[in-house]
Amino acid sequence: MLVLIPLAATARSVPASIGRPVTWSDGSCFFMSYSTMYNGCSTRRSFEIPLTSDSSGNKTVVVTALGATSANNVGCMAIGMNREATLYWGGTRKWLPAFGTAQFITLTDAYIPAYGYLYTNCLVDPGGQINTVDHNG
């Protein structure tokens, strides 16, 4: 007798280096160190990270980021889109809860419809750093 057990969607982690600046010309502002990304420019820049998902439904995304002070803040949002890119769910931006050490930014309002996709967008102040993004796949 063969019994098939469906695999549950598992948590996934990706390094920040999998992403890219939202504005292509901002590429020279982001620097990589051990696959983390930090903003080396003198103004706030936007960075986006695509996330692979195996199923539709509500998604929780946790961004690990670092800002030495409030001048180096990082604020992120998670967004689920339909495949036609005409509808989105989520998009509430949350900021670092503290400064000086790596912190978790937990985003809980993204939803992916069938055949949709998920990504995270972060606004990164000068010196701010994105380390990893974890999510339930």
Protein backbone atom coordinates (compact mmCIF):
# COMPACT_ATOMS: atom_id res chain seq x y z
CA MET A 1 0.00 0.00 0.00
CA LEU A 2 1.32 3.40 -0.97
CA VAL A 3 0.27 6.37 1.12
CA LEU A 4 0.88 9.86 -0.17
CA ILE A 5 1.05 12.63 2.35
CA PRO A 6 0.86 16.18 1.03
CA LEU A 7 3.77 18.35 2.00
CA ALA A 8 2.87 21.46 3.94
CA ALA A 9 4.18 24.75 2.67
CA THR A 10 7.32 25.43 4.62
CA ALA A 11 9.04 28.58 5.69
CA ARG A 12 11.58 30.00 3.29
CA SER A 13 14.47 32.39 3.74
CA VAL A 14 16.18 34.45 1.07
CA PRO A 15 19.12 36.84 1.34
CA ALA A 16 18.51 40.48 0.51
CA SER A 17 20.90 40.17 -2.43
CA ILE A 18 18.20 38.34 -4.41
CA GLY A 19 16.37 41.68 -4.79
CA ARG A 20 17.01 44.84 -6.80
CA PRO A 21 16.46 48.58 -6.58
CA VAL A 22 13.00 49.68 -7.72
CA THR A 23 14.57 52.44 -9.80
CA TRP A 24 17.27 50.88 -11.98
CA SER A 25 19.54 53.94 -11.70
CA ASP A 26 19.65 53.43 -7.91
CA GLY A 27 21.74 50.29 -8.43
CA SER A 28 24.92 52.18 -7.59
CA CYS A 29 23.44 53.09 -4.18
CA PHE A 30 23.13 49.54 -2.89
CA PHE A 31 26.17 47.64 -1.69
CA MET A 32 26.38 43.96 -0.83
CA SER A 33 28.18 42.51 2.16
CA TYR A 34 27.77 38.78 2.92
CA SER A 35 24.60 38.91 0.78
CA THR A 36 23.05 41.69 2.88
CA MET A 37 22.24 44.94 1.08
CA TYR A 38 22.77 48.44 2.44
CA ASN A 39 22.08 51.91 1.08
CA GLY A 40 25.33 53.80 0.52
CA CYS A 41 23.69 56.93 -0.93
CA SER A 42 22.75 60.10 0.95
CA THR A 43 18.96 59.77 0.45
CA ARG A 44 16.24 57.15 0.97
CA ARG A 45 16.02 54.49 -1.77
CA SER A 46 13.54 51.72 -2.56
CA PHE A 47 14.50 48.03 -2.80
CA GLU A 48 12.29 45.11 -3.85
CA ILE A 49 12.65 41.38 -3.17
CA PRO A 50 10.59 38.73 -5.03
CA LEU A 51 9.44 35.79 -2.90
CA THR A 52 8.63 32.28 -4.13
CA SER A 53 5.38 30.80 -2.88
CA ASP A 54 3.89 27.34 -3.36
CA SER A 55 0.30 28.17 -2.51
CA SER A 56 -2.35 30.84 -2.44
CA GLY A 57 -3.59 32.32 0.83
CA ASN A 58 -2.53 34.67 3.60
CA LYS A 59 1.21 35.15 3.95
CA THR A 60 3.45 36.32 6.76
CA VAL A 61 6.74 37.94 5.79
CA VAL A 62 9.52 38.75 8.26
CA VAL A 63 12.29 41.10 7.14
CA THR A 64 15.46 41.17 9.22
CA ALA A 65 17.02 44.61 8.89
CA LEU A 66 19.43 46.92 10.68
CA GLY A 67 19.68 50.64 11.25
CA ALA A 68 22.31 52.06 13.61
CA THR A 69 20.08 55.08 14.41
CA SER A 70 16.71 56.46 13.31
CA ALA A 71 18.55 58.19 10.43
CA ASN A 72 19.26 54.68 9.05
CA ASN A 73 15.68 53.39 9.22
CA VAL A 74 14.21 50.62 7.06
CA GLY A 75 10.47 50.35 6.36
CA CYS A 76 8.99 47.40 4.48
CA MET A 77 5.68 46.12 3.15
CA ALA A 78 4.61 42.74 1.76
CA ILE A 79 2.37 42.63 -1.28
CA GLY A 80 0.48 39.80 -2.96
CA MET A 81 -0.60 40.38 -6.57
CA ASN A 82 -2.81 38.57 -9.03
CA ARG A 83 -1.00 37.32 -12.11
CA GLU A 84 -2.51 40.07 -14.25
CA ALA A 85 -0.94 42.62 -11.85
CA THR A 86 -4.27 44.45 -11.56
CA LEU A 87 -5.17 43.63 -7.93
CA TYR A 88 -3.02 43.63 -4.81
CA TRP A 89 -3.37 42.67 -1.17
CA GLY A 90 -1.27 44.00 1.69
CA GLY A 91 0.98 46.98 1.47
CA THR A 92 0.99 48.25 5.06
CA ARG A 93 4.52 49.58 5.60
CA LYS A 94 6.17 48.88 8.96
CA TRP A 95 9.47 50.31 10.19
CA LEU A 96 12.29 49.05 12.38
CA PRO A 97 11.07 48.75 15.99
CA ALA A 98 14.51 49.62 17.44
CA PHE A 99 17.99 50.65 16.33
CA GLY A 100 21.56 49.44 16.84
CA THR A 101 21.01 45.70 16.31
CA ALA A 102 19.28 43.59 13.67
CA GLN A 103 15.51 43.69 14.15
CA PHE A 104 12.50 41.80 12.79
CA ILE A 105 9.86 43.65 10.77
CA THR A 106 6.82 41.34 10.75
CA LEU A 107 4.34 41.87 7.91
CA THR A 108 1.05 39.96 8.11
CA ASP A 109 -1.36 41.52 5.60
CA ALA A 110 -0.28 39.99 2.28
CA TYR A 111 -2.54 37.56 0.45
CA ILE A 112 -1.80 35.65 -2.75
CA PRO A 113 -4.66 34.53 -4.99
CA ALA A 114 -4.34 31.38 -7.10
CA TYR A 115 -1.52 31.88 -9.65
CA GLY A 116 -0.51 35.14 -8.00
CA TYR A 117 2.84 36.25 -6.66
CA LEU A 118 4.43 37.80 -3.57
CA TYR A 119 7.13 40.40 -3.04
CA THR A 120 8.50 42.73 -0.39
CA ASN A 121 9.27 46.40 -0.93
CA CYS A 122 11.52 48.28 1.51
CA LEU A 123 12.39 51.95 1.81
CA VAL A 124 15.99 52.10 3.00
CA ASP A 125 17.44 55.26 4.54
CA PRO A 126 21.17 56.05 4.11
CA GLY A 127 23.19 53.40 5.96
CA GLY A 128 20.12 51.19 6.46
CA GLN A 129 20.59 47.49 5.77
CA ILE A 130 18.35 44.57 4.75
CA ASN A 131 19.67 41.16 5.82
CA THR A 132 17.14 38.43 5.06
CA VAL A 133 13.48 37.90 4.25
CA ASP A 134 11.60 34.91 5.68
CA HIS A 135 8.08 33.93 4.66
CA ASN A 136 5.62 31.07 4.80
CA GLY A 137 5.67 29.60 1.32
